[in-house]
C-alpha atoms as a PDB file:
ATOM      1  CA  UNK A   1     -23.535  42.596  32.335  1.00  0.00           C
ATOM      2  CA  UNK A   2     -21.576  44.372  34.683  1.00  0.00           C
ATOM      3  CA  UNK A   3     -20.802  42.185  37.601  1.00  0.00           C
ATOM      4  CA  UNK A   4     -21.077  43.859  40.874  1.00  0.00           C
ATOM      5  CA  UNK A   5     -17.982  43.360  43.141  1.00  0.00           C
ATOM      6  CA  UNK A   6     -15.787  44.690  39.240  1.00  0.00           C
ATOM      7  CA  UNK A   7     -17.804  48.597  39.833  1.00  0.00           C
ATOM      8  CA  UNK A   8     -17.002  50.521  42.375  1.00  0.00           C
ATOM      9  CA  UNK A   9     -20.315  52.170  44.083  1.00  0.00           C
ATOM     10  CA  UNK A  10     -19.868  55.491  42.680  1.00  0.00           C
ATOM     11  CA  UNK A  11     -19.730  54.542  39.261  1.00  0.00           C
ATOM     12  CA  UNK A  12     -22.674  52.052  39.858  1.00  0.00           C
ATOM     13  CA  UNK A  13     -25.128  54.922  41.040  1.00  0.00           C
ATOM     14  CA  UNK A  14     -23.837  57.683  38.388  1.00  0.00           C
ATOM     15  CA  UNK A  15     -25.147  54.920  35.776  1.00  0.00           C
ATOM     16  CA  UNK A  16     -28.202  54.647  37.259  1.00  0.00           C
ATOM     17  CA  UNK A  17     -29.078  57.741  37.579  1.00  0.00           C
ATOM     18  CA  UNK A  18     -28.218  58.080  33.769  1.00  0.00           C
ATOM     19  CA  UNK A  19     -30.537  55.322  33.004  1.00  0.00           C
ATOM     20  CA  UNK A  20     -27.232  52.474  32.173  1.00  0.00           C
ATOM     21  CA  UNK A  21     -28.664  50.049  34.282  1.00  0.00           C
ATOM     22  CA  UNK A  22     -32.294  49.291  34.116  1.00  0.00           C
ATOM     23  CA  UNK A  23     -31.800  45.412  36.616  1.00  0.00           C
ATOM     24  CA  UNK A  24     -30.232  43.004  38.866  1.00  0.00           C
ATOM     25  CA  UNK A  25     -29.632  39.881  38.944  1.00  0.00           C
ATOM     26  CA  UNK A  26     -27.928  36.844  40.047  1.00  0.00           C
ATOM     27  CA  UNK A  27     -25.544  35.228  38.526  1.00  0.00           C
ATOM     28  CA  UNK A  28     -25.779  31.616  39.535  1.00  0.00           C
ATOM     29  CA  UNK A  29     -29.378  31.552  39.148  1.00  0.00           C
ATOM     30  CA  UNK A  30     -29.905  32.983  36.327  1.00  0.00           C
ATOM     31  CA  UNK A  31     -32.460  35.340  37.449  1.00  0.00           C
ATOM     32  CA  UNK A  32     -33.584  39.132  36.412  1.00  0.00           C
ATOM     33  CA  UNK A  33     -35.400  42.130  37.887  1.00  0.00           C
ATOM     34  CA  UNK A  34     -35.722  45.523  38.800  1.00  0.00           C
ATOM     35  CA  UNK A  35     -33.470  47.024  40.957  1.00  0.00           C
ATOM     36  CA  UNK A  36     -36.206  48.074  43.858  1.00  0.00           C
ATOM     37  CA  UNK A  37     -37.454  44.298  44.177  1.00  0.00           C
ATOM     38  CA  UNK A  38     -37.180  42.845  47.861  1.00  0.00           C
ATOM     39  CA  UNK A  39     -35.569  38.949  46.532  1.00  0.00           C
ATOM     40  CA  UNK A  40     -32.669  41.112  44.634  1.00  0.00           C
ATOM     41  CA  UNK A  41     -31.836  43.039  47.232  1.00  0.00           C
ATOM     42  CA  UNK A  42     -31.043  40.496  49.574  1.00  0.00           C
ATOM     43  CA  UNK A  43     -27.899  38.421  46.965  1.00  0.00           C
ATOM     44  CA  UNK A  44     -24.906  38.789  48.095  1.00  0.00           C
ATOM     45  CA  UNK A  45     -22.461  41.353  46.315  1.00  0.00           C
ATOM     46  CA  UNK A  46     -20.217  38.758  44.543  1.00  0.00           C
ATOM     47  CA  UNK A  47     -23.835  37.193  43.469  1.00  0.00           C
ATOM     48  CA  UNK A  48     -25.040  40.815  41.294  1.00  0.00           C
ATOM     49  CA  UNK A  49     -25.267  41.192  38.272  1.00  0.00           C
ATOM     50  CA  UNK A  50     -25.968  44.441  36.389  1.00  0.00           C
ATOM     51  CA  UNK A  51     -27.815  44.483  32.897  1.00  0.00           C
ATOM     52  CA  UNK A  52     -28.860  48.055  30.973  1.00  0.00           C
ATOM     53  CA  UNK A  53     -31.635  46.226  29.172  1.00  0.00           C
ATOM     54  CA  UNK A  54     -33.835  43.173  29.227  1.00  0.00           C
ATOM     55  CA  UNK A  55     -32.658  41.725  25.760  1.00  0.00           C
ATOM     56  CA  UNK A  56     -28.798  41.812  27.479  1.00  0.00           C
ATOM     57  CA  UNK A  57     -30.447  39.041  29.936  1.00  0.00           C
ATOM     58  CA  UNK A  58     -32.104  37.293  28.045  1.00  0.00           C
ATOM     59  CA  UNK A  59     -28.703  37.129  25.580  1.00  0.00           C
ATOM     60  CA  UNK A  60     -26.786  35.762  28.587  1.00  0.00           C
ATOM     61  CA  UNK A  61     -29.024  32.815  29.295  1.00  0.00           C
ATOM     62  CA  UNK A  62     -31.295  34.859  32.211  1.00  0.00           C
ATOM     63  CA  UNK A  63     -34.797  34.496  33.115  1.00  0.00           C
ATOM     64  CA  UNK A  64     -36.974  37.129  34.912  1.00  0.00           C
ATOM     65  CA  UNK A  65     -37.966  37.558  38.402  1.00  0.00           C
ATOM     66  CA  UNK A  66     -41.171  35.470  39.609  1.00  0.00           C
ATOM     67  CA  UNK A  67     -41.877  38.638  41.562  1.00  0.00           C
ATOM     68  CA  UNK A  68     -41.059  41.859  40.577  1.00  0.00           C
ATOM     69  CA  UNK A  69     -41.122  40.672  36.438  1.00  0.00           C
ATOM     70  CA  UNK A  70     -44.522  38.361  37.139  1.00  0.00           C
ATOM     71  CA  UNK A  71     -46.216  38.980  33.470  1.00  0.00           C
ATOM     72  CA  UNK A  72     -41.755  38.509  32.028  1.00  0.00           C
ATOM     73  CA  UNK A  73     -41.631  35.311  33.902  1.00  0.00           C
ATOM     74  CA  UNK A  74     -45.386  33.749  33.209  1.00  0.00           C
ATOM     75  CA  UNK A  75     -44.572  34.727  29.206  1.00  0.00           C
ATOM     76  CA  UNK A  76     -41.289  33.613  29.648  1.00  0.00           C
ATOM     77  CA  UNK A  77     -42.259  29.713  31.438  1.00  0.00           C
ATOM     78  CA  UNK A  78     -45.058  29.927  28.237  1.00  0.00           C
ATOM     79  CA  UNK A  79     -42.124  30.369  25.864  1.00  0.00           C
ATOM     80  CA  UNK A  80     -40.013  27.237  27.536  1.00  0.00           C
ATOM     81  CA  UNK A  81     -42.381  25.033  28.122  1.00  0.00           C
END
C-alpha cells in the first residue's frame, strides 16, 4: 500500500504505466476501486492510497467499491454476512 501524499506524481505515473499500481483506495473509508472510478477521483489526496493487487487491498482490510467493482462488492458483501 502506497499513500498518495508520500509518492511523487512522476513516480506514480511510472508505476501505473508499468502496471505496478492497479487500484486506488480511501484509507479513511477502507474502500478500494479502479483508478478511473468517479468516486475515487473525488477523494482528497491525503486519504488516497494505491495497491498493486486486489489481494493486497483485501489484506489491508479494504472492501471493494460498490460503483466500479460491483460484482466484487456483492461477493464481498455476501461473504461478510
